[in-house]
Amino acid sequence: MTPPYRVLPVADADLDDQAADLARTASLETALRFYDAARTTFERIARDPGLGERRESPNPRLANLFHATPPRKSPNPEIPRRLAMIV
């Protein structure tokens, strides 16, 4: 069972913007796969919050930020890079 997690409104808006761009430039199917990849990544992080590598940042609000590696299989090579920035 996946522990509960929440996607902040600003992150949700970023996901919607990215999905809309993918739907416009690629296909609706690609946009839906992007949402699936985001959900899968959020669930992985919720199950294992220490997943990934710690990122150093001069910004104190980002002091405990981890970079989570998205799933290996991706329908679009751009998704992991963008998704990692969102997470």
N, C-alpha and C. Protein backbone atom coordinates (compact mmCIF):
# COMPACT_ATOMS: atom_id res chain seq x y z
N MET A 1 0.84 -1.18 0.00
CA MET A 1 0.00 0.00 0.00
C MET A 1 0.88 1.25 0.00
N THR A 2 0.55 2.18 -0.85
CA THR A 2 1.32 3.42 -0.95
C THR A 2 0.88 4.39 0.13
N PRO A 3 1.83 4.95 0.88
CA PRO A 3 1.47 5.96 1.87
C PRO A 3 0.84 7.17 1.17
N PRO A 4 0.02 7.92 1.89
CA PRO A 4 -0.60 9.10 1.27
C PRO A 4 0.46 10.14 0.91
N TYR A 5 0.21 10.87 -0.13
CA TYR A 5 1.07 11.97 -0.52
C TYR A 5 0.18 13.05 -1.10
N ARG A 6 0.68 14.25 -1.19
CA ARG A 6 -0.10 15.32 -1.81
C ARG A 6 0.75 16.05 -2.83
N VAL A 7 0.10 16.48 -3.86
CA VAL A 7 0.75 17.27 -4.90
C VAL A 7 0.28 18.70 -4.69
N LEU A 8 1.21 19.58 -4.41
CA LEU A 8 0.84 20.97 -4.17
C LEU A 8 0.21 21.58 -5.42
N PRO A 9 -0.68 22.56 -5.23
CA PRO A 9 -1.36 23.16 -6.38
C PRO A 9 -0.41 23.68 -7.46
N VAL A 10 0.71 24.28 -7.06
CA VAL A 10 1.65 24.81 -8.06
C VAL A 10 2.28 23.66 -8.85
N ALA A 11 2.60 22.54 -8.19
CA ALA A 11 3.15 21.38 -8.90
C ALA A 11 2.09 20.76 -9.80
N ASP A 12 0.86 20.71 -9.32
CA ASP A 12 -0.24 20.17 -10.13
C ASP A 12 -0.44 21.01 -11.39
N ALA A 13 -0.34 22.32 -11.24
CA ALA A 13 -0.46 23.20 -12.41
C ALA A 13 0.69 22.97 -13.38
N ASP A 14 1.92 22.76 -12.86
CA ASP A 14 3.07 22.46 -13.72
C ASP A 14 2.84 21.16 -14.49
N LEU A 15 2.30 20.15 -13.80
CA LEU A 15 2.01 18.87 -14.46
C LEU A 15 0.98 19.07 -15.57
N ASP A 16 -0.06 19.84 -15.27
CA ASP A 16 -1.10 20.10 -16.28
C ASP A 16 -0.53 20.84 -17.48
N ASP A 17 0.33 21.83 -17.23
CA ASP A 17 0.96 22.58 -18.33
C ASP A 17 1.80 21.67 -19.20
N GLN A 18 2.59 20.81 -18.54
CA GLN A 18 3.44 19.89 -19.30
C GLN A 18 2.60 18.91 -20.11
N ALA A 19 1.56 18.37 -19.48
CA ALA A 19 0.68 17.42 -20.19
C ALA A 19 -0.01 18.09 -21.36
N ALA A 20 -0.44 19.33 -21.18
CA ALA A 20 -1.09 20.05 -22.28
C ALA A 20 -0.12 20.26 -23.45
N ASP A 21 1.12 20.59 -23.11
CA ASP A 21 2.14 20.76 -24.15
C ASP A 21 2.40 19.44 -24.88
N LEU A 22 2.49 18.34 -24.13
CA LEU A 22 2.70 17.03 -24.76
C LEU A 22 1.51 16.64 -25.64
N ALA A 23 0.30 16.93 -25.18
CA ALA A 23 -0.89 16.61 -25.97
C ALA A 23 -0.89 17.42 -27.28
N ARG A 24 -0.44 18.68 -27.19
CA ARG A 24 -0.42 19.55 -28.36
C ARG A 24 0.70 19.17 -29.33
N THR A 25 1.88 18.86 -28.80
CA THR A 25 3.04 18.63 -29.67
C THR A 25 3.28 17.17 -30.02
N ALA A 26 2.75 16.26 -29.19
CA ALA A 26 2.96 14.82 -29.46
C ALA A 26 1.60 14.16 -29.69
N SER A 27 0.95 13.77 -28.60
CA SER A 27 -0.38 13.15 -28.70
C SER A 27 -1.02 13.10 -27.33
N LEU A 28 -2.33 12.89 -27.32
CA LEU A 28 -3.05 12.74 -26.07
C LEU A 28 -2.52 11.52 -25.31
N GLU A 29 -2.21 10.46 -26.03
CA GLU A 29 -1.68 9.25 -25.40
C GLU A 29 -0.36 9.56 -24.67
N THR A 30 0.51 10.35 -25.27
CA THR A 30 1.77 10.73 -24.64
C THR A 30 1.51 11.54 -23.37
N ALA A 31 0.55 12.46 -23.43
CA ALA A 31 0.22 13.26 -22.26
C ALA A 31 -0.31 12.38 -21.13
N LEU A 32 -1.13 11.41 -21.46
CA LEU A 32 -1.66 10.50 -20.43
C LEU A 32 -0.56 9.63 -19.84
N ARG A 33 0.40 9.21 -20.67
CA ARG A 33 1.54 8.45 -20.16
C ARG A 33 2.39 9.30 -19.23
N PHE A 34 2.48 10.60 -19.53
CA PHE A 34 3.20 11.52 -18.65
C PHE A 34 2.55 11.56 -17.27
N TYR A 35 1.21 11.69 -17.24
CA TYR A 35 0.51 11.67 -15.95
C TYR A 35 0.77 10.36 -15.20
N ASP A 36 0.75 9.25 -15.93
CA ASP A 36 1.02 7.95 -15.31
C ASP A 36 2.43 7.90 -14.73
N ALA A 37 3.40 8.43 -15.48
CA ALA A 37 4.79 8.44 -15.01
C ALA A 37 4.93 9.32 -13.77
N ALA A 38 4.23 10.44 -13.74
CA ALA A 38 4.27 11.31 -12.56
C ALA A 38 3.70 10.59 -11.35
N ARG A 39 2.54 9.97 -11.52
CA ARG A 39 1.90 9.25 -10.42
C ARG A 39 2.81 8.13 -9.91
N THR A 40 3.39 7.37 -10.83
CA THR A 40 4.29 6.28 -10.45
C THR A 40 5.49 6.81 -9.66
N THR A 41 6.05 7.91 -10.10
CA THR A 41 7.20 8.50 -9.41
C THR A 41 6.81 9.02 -8.04
N PHE A 42 5.66 9.69 -7.93
CA PHE A 42 5.20 10.18 -6.63
C PHE A 42 4.97 9.01 -5.67
N GLU A 43 4.41 7.92 -6.18
CA GLU A 43 4.17 6.75 -5.34
C GLU A 43 5.49 6.13 -4.86
N ARG A 44 6.48 6.09 -5.75
CA ARG A 44 7.79 5.56 -5.37
C ARG A 44 8.41 6.41 -4.27
N ILE A 45 8.30 7.72 -4.39
CA ILE A 45 8.86 8.62 -3.39
C ILE A 45 8.10 8.48 -2.07
N ALA A 46 6.78 8.33 -2.15
CA ALA A 46 5.98 8.17 -0.93
C ALA A 46 6.35 6.89 -0.19
N ARG A 47 6.62 5.82 -0.94
CA ARG A 47 7.00 4.54 -0.32
C ARG A 47 8.41 4.59 0.26
N ASP A 48 9.30 5.34 -0.39
CA ASP A 48 10.69 5.40 0.03
C ASP A 48 11.18 6.84 -0.06
N PRO A 49 10.87 7.66 0.97
CA PRO A 49 11.20 9.09 0.90
C PRO A 49 12.69 9.39 0.75
N GLY A 50 13.56 8.47 1.13
CA GLY A 50 14.99 8.69 0.98
C GLY A 50 15.53 8.29 -0.38
N LEU A 51 14.64 7.95 -1.30
CA LEU A 51 15.01 7.52 -2.64
C LEU A 51 15.76 8.64 -3.36
N GLY A 52 16.77 8.28 -4.09
CA GLY A 52 17.47 9.26 -4.91
C GLY A 52 18.71 9.81 -4.22
N GLU A 53 19.21 10.88 -4.75
CA GLU A 53 20.43 11.50 -4.25
C GLU A 53 20.10 12.85 -3.66
N ARG A 54 20.74 13.16 -2.55
CA ARG A 54 20.54 14.48 -1.94
C ARG A 54 21.15 15.54 -2.84
N ARG A 55 20.44 16.63 -3.02
CA ARG A 55 20.93 17.76 -3.80
C ARG A 55 21.28 18.90 -2.86
N GLU A 56 22.46 19.43 -3.00
CA GLU A 56 22.87 20.59 -2.21
C GLU A 56 22.29 21.84 -2.86
N SER A 57 21.85 22.78 -2.02
CA SER A 57 21.30 24.03 -2.55
C SER A 57 21.59 25.16 -1.57
N PRO A 58 21.91 26.33 -2.09
CA PRO A 58 22.11 27.47 -1.20
C PRO A 58 20.77 27.98 -0.64
N ASN A 59 19.67 27.56 -1.23
CA ASN A 59 18.34 27.98 -0.78
C ASN A 59 17.93 27.10 0.40
N PRO A 60 17.74 27.67 1.60
CA PRO A 60 17.39 26.86 2.77
C PRO A 60 16.07 26.12 2.62
N ARG A 61 15.16 26.62 1.79
CA ARG A 61 13.87 25.94 1.59
C ARG A 61 14.05 24.63 0.82
N LEU A 62 15.19 24.48 0.15
CA LEU A 62 15.45 23.27 -0.63
C LEU A 62 16.52 22.39 0.03
N ALA A 63 16.79 22.63 1.30
CA ALA A 63 17.89 21.95 1.99
C ALA A 63 17.74 20.43 2.00
N ASN A 64 16.56 19.90 2.07
CA ASN A 64 16.37 18.45 2.16
C ASN A 64 15.82 17.84 0.88
N LEU A 65 16.06 18.49 -0.23
CA LEU A 65 15.55 18.03 -1.51
C LEU A 65 16.36 16.85 -2.02
N PHE A 66 15.66 15.84 -2.52
CA PHE A 66 16.30 14.68 -3.14
C PHE A 66 15.92 14.66 -4.61
N HIS A 67 16.83 14.19 -5.42
CA HIS A 67 16.56 13.99 -6.85
C HIS A 67 16.15 12.53 -7.01
N ALA A 68 14.91 12.30 -7.40
CA ALA A 68 14.43 10.92 -7.59
C ALA A 68 14.60 10.54 -9.05
N THR A 69 15.16 9.39 -9.26
CA THR A 69 15.33 8.89 -10.62
C THR A 69 14.01 8.32 -11.10
N PRO A 70 13.45 8.84 -12.18
CA PRO A 70 12.19 8.30 -12.71
C PRO A 70 12.36 6.86 -13.18
N PRO A 71 11.27 6.16 -13.40
CA PRO A 71 11.36 4.79 -13.91
C PRO A 71 12.20 4.74 -15.18
N ARG A 72 12.89 3.62 -15.40
CA ARG A 72 13.78 3.49 -16.56
C ARG A 72 13.04 3.62 -17.89
N LYS A 73 11.89 2.97 -18.00
CA LYS A 73 11.15 3.01 -19.27
C LYS A 73 10.35 4.29 -19.35
N SER A 74 10.52 5.01 -20.42
CA SER A 74 9.78 6.25 -20.61
C SER A 74 9.32 6.32 -22.06
N PRO A 75 8.09 6.76 -22.28
CA PRO A 75 7.61 6.89 -23.65
C PRO A 75 8.29 8.03 -24.40
N ASN A 76 8.87 8.95 -23.66
CA ASN A 76 9.49 10.12 -24.27
C ASN A 76 10.75 10.44 -23.48
N PRO A 77 11.91 10.53 -24.10
CA PRO A 77 13.15 10.79 -23.36
C PRO A 77 13.15 12.12 -22.62
N GLU A 78 12.30 13.08 -22.98
CA GLU A 78 12.24 14.35 -22.30
C GLU A 78 11.52 14.26 -20.96
N ILE A 79 10.63 13.29 -20.81
CA ILE A 79 9.81 13.21 -19.60
C ILE A 79 10.64 13.03 -18.34
N PRO A 80 11.59 12.09 -18.28
CA PRO A 80 12.33 11.93 -17.03
C PRO A 80 13.04 13.21 -16.57
N ARG A 81 13.64 13.93 -17.50
CA ARG A 81 14.37 15.15 -17.14
C ARG A 81 13.39 16.17 -16.56
N ARG A 82 12.28 16.39 -17.22
CA ARG A 82 11.31 17.36 -16.74
C ARG A 82 10.65 16.90 -15.46
N LEU A 83 10.31 15.64 -15.38
CA LEU A 83 9.64 15.12 -14.21
C LEU A 83 10.56 15.21 -12.99
N ALA A 84 11.84 14.94 -13.17
CA ALA A 84 12.79 15.03 -12.07
C ALA A 84 12.85 16.47 -11.55
N MET A 85 12.72 17.45 -12.44
CA MET A 85 12.74 18.84 -11.99
C MET A 85 11.47 19.17 -11.21
N ILE A 86 10.36 18.60 -11.58
CA ILE A 86 9.09 18.88 -10.90
C ILE A 86 9.10 18.27 -9.51
N VAL A 87 9.54 17.04 -9.42
CA VAL A 87 9.52 16.34 -8.14
C VAL A 87 10.49 17.02 -7.22
